[in-house]
Protein backbone atom coordinates (compact mmCIF):
# COMPACT_ATOMS: atom_id res chain seq x y z
CA MET A 1 25.22 13.86 7.79
CA TYR A 2 25.12 12.24 4.41
CA VAL A 3 27.49 13.56 1.77
CA CYS A 4 27.86 12.03 -1.64
CA ALA A 5 29.77 12.72 -4.79
CA GLN A 6 28.96 11.18 -8.16
CA ARG A 7 30.78 11.30 -11.48
CA VAL A 8 27.94 11.60 -13.96
CA ARG A 9 27.56 11.74 -17.73
CA GLN A 10 24.67 13.25 -19.66
CA PRO A 11 23.06 11.19 -22.38
CA LYS A 12 24.71 11.84 -25.76
CA ARG A 13 21.49 13.35 -27.10
CA GLN A 14 21.87 16.06 -24.42
CA GLY A 15 25.53 16.70 -25.21
CA GLY A 16 27.32 13.96 -23.26
CA ALA A 17 28.87 16.34 -20.71
CA GLU A 18 30.65 14.72 -17.79
CA GLY A 19 31.41 16.07 -14.33
CA ILE A 20 31.13 15.47 -10.60
CA ASN A 21 27.98 16.42 -8.70
CA ALA A 22 28.01 16.42 -4.91
CA PHE A 23 25.27 16.75 -2.29
CA CYS A 24 25.22 17.35 1.47
CA TYR A 25 22.30 16.33 3.68
CA LEU A 26 21.85 16.71 7.44
CA HIS A 27 19.94 14.22 9.58
CA ARG A 28 19.62 16.32 12.74
CA MET A 29 19.58 12.98 14.56
CA ASP A 30 21.94 10.08 15.18
CA PRO A 31 21.99 8.14 11.89
CA TRP A 32 23.45 5.10 13.67
CA GLY A 33 20.67 4.45 16.17
CA LYS A 34 21.24 2.38 19.28
CA GLY A 35 23.17 -0.85 18.89
CA SER A 36 23.28 -0.73 15.10
CA GLU A 37 26.29 -1.91 13.11
CA LYS A 38 25.28 0.32 10.19
CA PRO A 39 23.76 3.77 9.98
CA VAL A 40 20.42 4.46 8.41
CA LEU A 41 21.31 4.05 4.75
CA PRO A 42 20.94 7.05 2.43
CA GLU A 43 18.39 5.26 0.28
CA VAL A 44 16.18 4.87 3.39
CA ASN A 45 16.64 8.37 4.84
CA PRO A 46 19.11 10.74 3.18
CA GLY A 47 18.17 13.63 5.46
CA SER A 48 17.45 17.20 4.37
CA LEU A 49 19.43 18.56 1.42
CA ILE A 50 21.36 21.64 2.56
CA ASP A 51 24.01 22.16 -0.12
CA SER A 52 25.20 20.88 -3.48
CA LEU A 53 27.85 21.33 -6.16
CA ILE A 54 26.48 20.68 -9.64
CA GLU A 55 28.70 20.38 -12.71
CA VAL A 56 26.19 18.48 -14.88
CA ALA A 57 22.55 19.36 -14.31
CA PRO A 58 20.29 16.47 -13.34
CA PRO A 59 18.10 14.55 -14.11
CA GLY A 60 18.82 11.71 -16.50
CA ASN A 61 22.57 11.42 -16.03
CA ALA A 62 24.36 8.07 -15.86
CA VAL A 63 26.38 7.59 -12.66
CA ARG A 64 29.90 6.41 -13.51
CA SER A 65 31.32 6.45 -9.98
CA TYR A 66 30.17 7.44 -6.52
CA LEU A 67 31.26 7.94 -2.93
CA ASP A 68 28.72 7.99 -0.10
CA VAL A 69 29.61 8.98 3.48
CA VAL A 70 27.26 8.83 6.48
CA SER A 71 28.16 10.13 9.95
CA GLN A 72 26.96 12.34 12.76
CA ASP A 73 26.13 15.88 11.63
CA SER A 74 28.90 17.13 13.95
CA VAL A 75 31.69 14.95 12.51
CA THR A 76 34.97 16.72 11.79
CA LEU A 77 36.40 17.00 8.31
CA ASP A 78 39.56 15.24 9.49
CA ARG A 79 37.54 12.18 10.56
CA ILE A 80 35.74 12.06 7.21
CA ILE A 81 39.01 12.20 5.27
CA ARG A 82 40.61 9.60 7.53
CA ALA A 83 37.59 7.30 7.12
CA ILE A 84 37.60 7.57 3.33
CA ARG A 85 41.33 6.93 3.11
CA ASN A 86 41.00 4.01 5.53
CA HIS A 87 39.28 1.97 2.83
CA PRO A 88 40.07 -1.72 2.58
CA VAL A 89 41.77 -3.21 -0.43
CA PRO A 90 38.72 -3.97 -2.54
CA LYS A 91 37.92 -7.55 -3.37
CA SER A 92 35.25 -6.19 -5.67
CA LEU A 93 33.48 -2.94 -6.36
CA PRO A 94 31.21 -1.54 -5.10
CA MET A 95 32.50 -1.78 -1.55
CA GLU A 96 31.48 -0.41 1.81
CA TRP A 97 33.46 0.09 4.99
CA THR A 98 33.28 1.75 8.38
CA SER A 99 35.98 3.68 10.16
CA ASP A 100 35.08 4.64 13.72
CA ASP A 101 31.55 6.00 13.31
CA VAL A 102 31.89 7.05 9.66
CA TRP A 103 30.31 4.71 7.09
CA CYS A 104 31.48 4.82 3.47
CA ARG A 105 30.43 3.20 0.21
CA SER A 106 32.04 3.55 -3.18
CA GLY A 107 31.70 2.09 -6.62
CA VAL A 108 32.84 2.70 -10.17
CA GLU A 109 31.79 1.44 -13.56
CA LEU A 110 34.02 -1.13 -15.21
CA ALA A 111 35.76 1.46 -17.42
CA LEU A 112 37.03 3.30 -14.30
CA GLU A 113 38.05 0.30 -12.17
CA GLY A 114 41.73 0.52 -13.13
CA ASP A 115 41.93 4.05 -11.71
CA TRP A 116 39.55 3.61 -8.76
CA GLU A 117 41.93 5.01 -6.11
CA ASN A 118 42.45 8.26 -8.03
CA GLU A 119 38.74 8.43 -8.73
CA LEU A 120 38.05 8.03 -5.00
CA GLU A 121 40.35 10.99 -4.29
CA ARG A 122 38.59 13.13 -6.92
CA LEU A 123 35.20 12.32 -5.42
CA MET A 124 36.52 12.96 -1.90
CA ALA A 125 37.71 16.42 -3.00
CA ARG A 126 34.11 17.43 -3.77
CA ILE A 127 32.93 16.07 -0.43
CA VAL A 128 35.64 18.09 1.34
CA ILE A 129 34.42 21.29 -0.35
CA LEU A 130 30.84 20.68 0.81
CA VAL A 131 31.80 19.79 4.38
CA VAL A 132 34.06 22.86 4.69
CA ARG A 133 31.18 25.06 3.49
CA GLN A 134 29.04 23.79 6.40
CA VAL A 135 31.48 24.96 9.10
CA PRO A 136 30.19 28.23 10.59
CA ALA A 137 32.48 31.24 10.22
CA CYS A 138 34.24 32.21 13.46
């Protein structure tokens, strides 16, 4: 599974709207592979898009902040939240980290660096919504 959330801003000529877009992809395979320290990165193989939350319609938006999470398709929401919150104290942004078998990467533009922890929580909230929507109804 690859889930990502991005705070984006439209170009001013298109209105300059800002919001958070989020996307959920499934790999239907083990993104880690055998003996790998990192999963297959989203830019190499994001998987198949299965769901999204769009506040500002693409394309052409500037990305102001982002949170990427890669794990097994069957990962629990609790493990994703724990992994995101288990981030190291950043020496610099962007940063990436792994918690158990959940890989995370996050970055913010300079204007948002002073509030990066709150921004991370806002981005995580969108990821939580998408992951919850993937759980089959009982």
